């Protein structure tokens, strides 16, 4: 067993505790805790009256059961009421879906989530 140290450990701990980690866990919870986030980008967003961040996630689901859970994510994400303390989900959109059947079933989901700071 190796012990993590340095910048990688600090980044991983911050991600688990921060807004990014909370958002990732909430999105994966919609897919019964399955799926692997293969990319996640975040950009600040602001209008005249609101400030927040736009998140783009790419999530892979491999195997029949995980693909089914990914399909549930696709169906539920746009209307889901998130609880992200201090943040309001203003928009949640599925921007792409890729299905592959061979060598094993795989689903890749792209989504975009706009978070606004409450208050």
N, C-alpha and C. Protein backbone atom coordinates (compact mmCIF):
# COMPACT_ATOMS: atom_id res chain seq x y z
N UNK A 1 0.84 -1.17 0.00
CA UNK A 1 0.00 0.00 0.00
C UNK A 1 0.89 1.24 0.00
N UNK A 2 0.59 2.19 -0.89
CA UNK A 2 1.36 3.42 -0.94
C UNK A 2 0.60 4.54 -0.24
N UNK A 3 1.35 5.47 0.26
CA UNK A 3 0.76 6.62 0.93
C UNK A 3 0.90 7.83 0.02
N UNK A 4 -0.23 8.48 -0.25
CA UNK A 4 -0.21 9.67 -1.11
C UNK A 4 0.29 10.87 -0.33
N UNK A 5 1.11 11.66 -0.98
CA UNK A 5 1.59 12.89 -0.38
C UNK A 5 1.64 13.98 -1.44
N UNK A 6 1.90 15.20 -1.01
CA UNK A 6 2.14 16.30 -1.94
C UNK A 6 0.89 16.84 -2.59
N UNK A 7 1.11 17.50 -3.75
CA UNK A 7 0.02 18.21 -4.42
C UNK A 7 -1.15 17.31 -4.85
N UNK A 8 -0.86 16.06 -5.26
CA UNK A 8 -1.95 15.17 -5.68
C UNK A 8 -2.90 14.88 -4.53
N UNK A 9 -2.35 14.64 -3.35
CA UNK A 9 -3.19 14.37 -2.19
C UNK A 9 -4.01 15.61 -1.82
N UNK A 10 -3.39 16.76 -1.82
CA UNK A 10 -4.11 17.99 -1.49
C UNK A 10 -5.23 18.26 -2.47
N UNK A 11 -4.97 18.05 -3.76
CA UNK A 11 -5.99 18.28 -4.78
C UNK A 11 -7.15 17.29 -4.58
N UNK A 12 -6.85 16.03 -4.32
CA UNK A 12 -7.90 15.02 -4.14
C UNK A 12 -8.74 15.34 -2.91
N UNK A 13 -8.10 15.74 -1.81
CA UNK A 13 -8.86 16.08 -0.60
C UNK A 13 -9.74 17.30 -0.83
N UNK A 14 -9.23 18.31 -1.49
CA UNK A 14 -10.01 19.51 -1.77
C UNK A 14 -11.20 19.17 -2.64
N UNK A 15 -11.00 18.30 -3.62
CA UNK A 15 -12.08 17.93 -4.53
C UNK A 15 -13.19 17.19 -3.78
N UNK A 16 -12.82 16.31 -2.86
CA UNK A 16 -13.81 15.55 -2.12
C UNK A 16 -14.65 16.47 -1.24
N UNK A 17 -14.04 17.49 -0.67
CA UNK A 17 -14.76 18.37 0.24
C UNK A 17 -15.43 19.54 -0.45
N UNK A 18 -14.93 19.96 -1.58
CA UNK A 18 -15.41 21.17 -2.23
C UNK A 18 -16.67 20.97 -3.04
N UNK A 19 -17.08 22.06 -3.65
CA UNK A 19 -18.27 22.05 -4.49
C UNK A 19 -18.15 21.06 -5.63
N UNK A 20 -16.98 20.97 -6.23
CA UNK A 20 -16.78 20.03 -7.34
C UNK A 20 -17.07 18.61 -6.89
N UNK A 21 -16.56 18.24 -5.75
CA UNK A 21 -16.79 16.89 -5.23
C UNK A 21 -18.26 16.64 -4.92
N UNK A 22 -18.91 17.64 -4.32
CA UNK A 22 -20.34 17.49 -4.02
C UNK A 22 -21.15 17.33 -5.28
N UNK A 23 -20.83 18.12 -6.31
CA UNK A 23 -21.55 18.01 -7.57
C UNK A 23 -21.32 16.65 -8.20
N UNK A 24 -20.08 16.20 -8.25
CA UNK A 24 -19.78 14.88 -8.83
C UNK A 24 -20.55 13.77 -8.12
N UNK A 25 -20.53 13.80 -6.79
CA UNK A 25 -21.25 12.75 -6.04
C UNK A 25 -22.75 12.82 -6.31
N UNK A 26 -23.31 14.02 -6.40
CA UNK A 26 -24.74 14.16 -6.65
C UNK A 26 -25.12 13.65 -8.03
N UNK A 27 -24.29 13.93 -9.04
CA UNK A 27 -24.58 13.45 -10.39
C UNK A 27 -24.48 11.94 -10.45
N UNK A 28 -23.42 11.37 -9.87
CA UNK A 28 -23.26 9.92 -9.90
C UNK A 28 -24.35 9.22 -9.08
N UNK A 29 -24.87 9.87 -8.04
CA UNK A 29 -25.96 9.29 -7.26
C UNK A 29 -27.20 9.06 -8.12
N UNK A 30 -27.41 9.93 -9.11
CA UNK A 30 -28.55 9.75 -10.03
C UNK A 30 -28.39 8.48 -10.86
N UNK A 31 -27.16 8.00 -10.97
CA UNK A 31 -26.88 6.77 -11.73
C UNK A 31 -26.55 5.64 -10.76
N UNK A 32 -27.20 5.64 -9.61
CA UNK A 32 -27.01 4.59 -8.60
C UNK A 32 -25.56 4.40 -8.19
N UNK A 33 -24.78 5.47 -8.21
CA UNK A 33 -23.39 5.40 -7.79
C UNK A 33 -22.45 4.75 -8.78
N UNK A 34 -22.94 4.46 -9.97
CA UNK A 34 -22.10 3.83 -10.99
C UNK A 34 -21.54 4.91 -11.92
N UNK A 35 -20.70 4.50 -12.82
CA UNK A 35 -20.12 5.42 -13.78
C UNK A 35 -18.79 5.95 -13.31
N UNK A 36 -17.99 6.37 -14.27
CA UNK A 36 -16.69 6.95 -14.01
C UNK A 36 -16.62 8.30 -14.71
N UNK A 37 -16.33 9.34 -13.96
CA UNK A 37 -16.18 10.66 -14.56
C UNK A 37 -14.82 10.68 -15.24
N UNK A 38 -14.84 10.80 -16.57
CA UNK A 38 -13.58 10.77 -17.32
C UNK A 38 -13.07 12.17 -17.64
N UNK A 39 -13.93 13.16 -17.52
CA UNK A 39 -13.47 14.55 -17.61
C UNK A 39 -14.48 15.45 -16.93
N UNK A 40 -13.95 16.55 -16.41
CA UNK A 40 -14.80 17.54 -15.74
C UNK A 40 -14.10 18.88 -15.88
N UNK A 41 -14.78 19.83 -16.50
CA UNK A 41 -14.24 21.18 -16.59
C UNK A 41 -15.21 22.13 -15.91
N UNK A 42 -14.66 23.20 -15.40
CA UNK A 42 -15.46 24.19 -14.69
C UNK A 42 -14.99 25.57 -15.12
N UNK A 43 -15.96 26.44 -15.45
CA UNK A 43 -15.65 27.82 -15.82
C UNK A 43 -16.54 28.76 -15.02
N UNK A 44 -15.99 29.85 -14.53
CA UNK A 44 -16.82 30.85 -13.86
C UNK A 44 -17.88 31.37 -14.83
N UNK A 45 -19.03 31.72 -14.29
CA UNK A 45 -20.12 32.25 -15.10
C UNK A 45 -20.74 33.41 -14.33
N UNK A 46 -21.13 34.45 -15.04
CA UNK A 46 -21.78 35.58 -14.37
C UNK A 46 -22.69 36.31 -15.35
N UNK A 47 -23.74 36.87 -14.80
CA UNK A 47 -24.61 37.79 -15.54
C UNK A 47 -24.65 39.07 -14.72
N UNK A 48 -25.51 39.98 -15.07
CA UNK A 48 -25.61 41.24 -14.32
C UNK A 48 -26.06 40.98 -12.88
N UNK A 49 -26.92 39.97 -12.70
CA UNK A 49 -27.50 39.74 -11.37
C UNK A 49 -27.04 38.47 -10.67
N UNK A 50 -26.38 37.55 -11.39
CA UNK A 50 -26.02 36.26 -10.80
C UNK A 50 -24.55 35.93 -11.07
N UNK A 51 -23.99 35.12 -10.18
CA UNK A 51 -22.63 34.59 -10.37
C UNK A 51 -22.67 33.09 -10.08
N UNK A 52 -21.80 32.36 -10.73
CA UNK A 52 -21.77 30.93 -10.51
C UNK A 52 -20.70 30.28 -11.36
N UNK A 53 -20.97 29.04 -11.75
CA UNK A 53 -20.00 28.29 -12.55
C UNK A 53 -20.71 27.30 -13.46
N UNK A 54 -20.12 27.09 -14.63
CA UNK A 54 -20.65 26.11 -15.60
C UNK A 54 -19.73 24.90 -15.56
N UNK A 55 -20.34 23.73 -15.35
CA UNK A 55 -19.60 22.47 -15.27
C UNK A 55 -19.95 21.58 -16.46
N UNK A 56 -18.92 21.03 -17.07
CA UNK A 56 -19.10 20.05 -18.15
C UNK A 56 -18.49 18.74 -17.70
N UNK A 57 -19.32 17.69 -17.69
CA UNK A 57 -18.87 16.38 -17.26
C UNK A 57 -19.04 15.37 -18.38
N UNK A 58 -18.10 14.45 -18.46
CA UNK A 58 -18.17 13.32 -19.38
C UNK A 58 -18.05 12.08 -18.52
N UNK A 59 -19.08 11.22 -18.57
CA UNK A 59 -19.18 10.08 -17.66
C UNK A 59 -19.34 8.80 -18.48
N UNK A 60 -18.52 7.80 -18.16
CA UNK A 60 -18.56 6.52 -18.87
C UNK A 60 -19.22 5.46 -17.99
N UNK A 61 -20.06 4.64 -18.61
CA UNK A 61 -20.73 3.53 -17.96
C UNK A 61 -20.41 2.27 -18.76
N UNK A 62 -19.87 1.25 -18.11
CA UNK A 62 -19.44 0.03 -18.79
C UNK A 62 -20.15 -1.17 -18.20
N UNK A 63 -20.69 -2.02 -19.06
CA UNK A 63 -21.42 -3.21 -18.62
C UNK A 63 -22.91 -2.95 -18.63
N UNK A 64 -23.70 -4.01 -18.80
CA UNK A 64 -25.15 -3.86 -18.95
C UNK A 64 -25.84 -3.11 -17.80
N UNK A 65 -25.50 -3.45 -16.54
CA UNK A 65 -26.15 -2.80 -15.41
C UNK A 65 -25.76 -1.32 -15.31
N UNK A 66 -24.48 -1.04 -15.53
CA UNK A 66 -24.04 0.36 -15.45
C UNK A 66 -24.62 1.19 -16.59
N UNK A 67 -24.72 0.60 -17.78
CA UNK A 67 -25.32 1.31 -18.91
C UNK A 67 -26.78 1.66 -18.59
N UNK A 68 -27.48 0.73 -17.98
CA UNK A 68 -28.88 0.99 -17.59
C UNK A 68 -28.94 2.14 -16.59
N UNK A 69 -28.02 2.16 -15.63
CA UNK A 69 -27.97 3.25 -14.65
C UNK A 69 -27.64 4.58 -15.35
N UNK A 70 -26.77 4.55 -16.35
CA UNK A 70 -26.45 5.74 -17.12
C UNK A 70 -27.65 6.26 -17.88
N UNK A 71 -28.46 5.35 -18.39
CA UNK A 71 -29.68 5.76 -19.08
C UNK A 71 -30.66 6.43 -18.11
N UNK A 72 -30.67 5.97 -16.85
CA UNK A 72 -31.50 6.64 -15.83
C UNK A 72 -30.99 8.06 -15.60
N UNK A 73 -29.68 8.23 -15.58
CA UNK A 73 -29.10 9.57 -15.43
C UNK A 73 -29.56 10.48 -16.56
N UNK A 74 -29.51 9.98 -17.78
CA UNK A 74 -29.93 10.76 -18.95
C UNK A 74 -31.39 11.19 -18.79
N UNK A 75 -32.24 10.29 -18.30
CA UNK A 75 -33.66 10.60 -18.17
C UNK A 75 -33.94 11.57 -17.02
N UNK A 76 -33.20 11.47 -15.92
CA UNK A 76 -33.52 12.23 -14.71
C UNK A 76 -32.79 13.55 -14.56
N UNK A 77 -31.60 13.69 -15.11
CA UNK A 77 -30.77 14.87 -14.84
C UNK A 77 -31.46 16.20 -15.12
N UNK A 78 -32.10 16.39 -16.28
CA UNK A 78 -32.65 17.73 -16.58
C UNK A 78 -33.69 18.23 -15.58
N UNK A 79 -34.41 17.34 -14.92
CA UNK A 79 -35.48 17.75 -14.00
C UNK A 79 -35.12 17.53 -12.53
N UNK A 80 -33.94 17.02 -12.25
CA UNK A 80 -33.58 16.67 -10.88
C UNK A 80 -33.38 17.91 -10.00
N UNK A 81 -33.87 17.84 -8.77
CA UNK A 81 -33.70 18.91 -7.78
C UNK A 81 -32.47 18.57 -6.94
N UNK A 82 -31.37 19.25 -7.19
CA UNK A 82 -30.13 19.01 -6.45
C UNK A 82 -30.16 19.76 -5.12
N UNK A 83 -29.46 19.21 -4.11
CA UNK A 83 -29.25 19.88 -2.83
C UNK A 83 -27.75 20.07 -2.67
N UNK A 84 -27.27 21.24 -3.05
CA UNK A 84 -25.83 21.52 -3.03
C UNK A 84 -25.51 22.72 -2.15
N UNK A 85 -26.10 22.84 -1.01
CA UNK A 85 -25.85 23.90 -0.06
C UNK A 85 -25.16 25.15 -0.59
N UNK A 86 -25.90 26.23 -0.69
CA UNK A 86 -25.34 27.49 -1.16
C UNK A 86 -25.31 27.65 -2.66
N UNK A 87 -25.74 26.62 -3.38
CA UNK A 87 -25.74 26.64 -4.84
C UNK A 87 -27.13 26.24 -5.36
N UNK A 88 -27.51 26.86 -6.44
CA UNK A 88 -28.77 26.54 -7.11
C UNK A 88 -28.43 26.03 -8.50
N UNK A 89 -29.00 24.90 -8.88
CA UNK A 89 -28.80 24.40 -10.24
C UNK A 89 -29.79 25.12 -11.14
N UNK A 90 -29.27 26.02 -11.96
CA UNK A 90 -30.12 26.82 -12.85
C UNK A 90 -30.45 26.05 -14.12
N UNK A 91 -29.54 25.17 -14.53
CA UNK A 91 -29.75 24.41 -15.77
C UNK A 91 -28.91 23.15 -15.72
N UNK A 92 -29.51 22.05 -16.12
CA UNK A 92 -28.80 20.77 -16.23
C UNK A 92 -29.24 20.13 -17.54
N UNK A 93 -28.28 19.93 -18.43
CA UNK A 93 -28.60 19.48 -19.79
C UNK A 93 -27.71 18.31 -20.19
N UNK A 94 -28.31 17.34 -20.86
CA UNK A 94 -27.54 16.27 -21.49
C UNK A 94 -27.13 16.81 -22.86
N UNK A 95 -25.83 16.88 -23.13
CA UNK A 95 -25.36 17.45 -24.40
C UNK A 95 -24.89 16.39 -25.38
N UNK A 96 -24.77 15.15 -24.93
CA UNK A 96 -24.35 14.09 -25.84
C UNK A 96 -24.45 12.73 -25.19
N UNK A 97 -24.74 11.72 -26.01
CA UNK A 97 -24.82 10.34 -25.55
C UNK A 97 -24.23 9.46 -26.64
N UNK A 98 -23.30 8.60 -26.26
CA UNK A 98 -22.70 7.65 -27.20
C UNK A 98 -22.89 6.24 -26.67
N UNK A 99 -23.48 5.36 -27.48
CA UNK A 99 -23.67 3.96 -27.14
C UNK A 99 -22.70 3.11 -27.95
N UNK A 100 -22.08 2.14 -27.30
CA UNK A 100 -21.24 1.15 -27.97
C UNK A 100 -21.67 -0.22 -27.45
N UNK A 101 -21.81 -1.19 -28.32
CA UNK A 101 -22.24 -2.52 -27.89
C UNK A 101 -21.09 -3.54 -27.82
N UNK A 102 -20.05 -3.34 -28.62
CA UNK A 102 -18.96 -4.31 -28.64
C UNK A 102 -17.64 -3.63 -28.32
N UNK A 103 -16.74 -4.21 -27.62
CA UNK A 103 -16.73 -5.59 -27.13
C UNK A 103 -17.66 -5.82 -25.95
N UNK A 104 -18.06 -4.76 -25.24
CA UNK A 104 -19.09 -4.88 -24.21
C UNK A 104 -19.90 -3.59 -24.21
N UNK A 105 -21.13 -3.65 -23.69
CA UNK A 105 -21.96 -2.44 -23.70
C UNK A 105 -21.28 -1.30 -22.95
N UNK A 106 -21.32 -0.13 -23.58
CA UNK A 106 -20.74 1.06 -22.96
C UNK A 106 -21.58 2.26 -23.35
N UNK A 107 -21.73 3.17 -22.40
CA UNK A 107 -22.48 4.41 -22.61
C UNK A 107 -21.59 5.55 -22.11
N UNK A 108 -21.45 6.58 -22.93
CA UNK A 108 -20.72 7.78 -22.51
C UNK A 108 -21.70 8.94 -22.58
N UNK A 109 -21.83 9.64 -21.47
CA UNK A 109 -22.79 10.74 -21.34
C UNK A 109 -22.03 12.04 -21.13
N UNK A 110 -22.38 13.05 -21.91
CA UNK A 110 -21.86 14.40 -21.72
C UNK A 110 -22.99 15.25 -21.16
N UNK A 111 -22.68 16.00 -20.11
CA UNK A 111 -23.70 16.89 -19.55
C UNK A 111 -23.08 18.21 -19.14
N UNK A 112 -23.94 19.19 -19.02
CA UNK A 112 -23.54 20.54 -18.65
C UNK A 112 -24.48 21.01 -17.54
N UNK A 113 -23.88 21.55 -16.48
CA UNK A 113 -24.67 21.98 -15.33
C UNK A 113 -24.24 23.41 -14.96
N UNK A 114 -25.21 24.30 -14.88
CA UNK A 114 -24.96 25.67 -14.50
C UNK A 114 -25.37 25.85 -13.04
N UNK A 115 -24.39 26.20 -12.21
CA UNK A 115 -24.64 26.45 -10.79
C UNK A 115 -24.60 27.95 -10.53
N UNK A 116 -25.54 28.42 -9.73
CA UNK A 116 -25.57 29.82 -9.32
C UNK A 116 -25.43 29.90 -7.81
N UNK A 117 -24.68 30.88 -7.36
CA UNK A 117 -24.51 31.08 -5.93
C UNK A 117 -25.79 31.64 -5.36
N UNK A 118 -26.26 31.03 -4.27
CA UNK A 118 -27.47 31.51 -3.61
C UNK A 118 -27.13 32.66 -2.68
N UNK A 119 -28.06 33.59 -2.60
CA UNK A 119 -27.89 34.66 -1.62
C UNK A 119 -27.45 35.94 -2.12
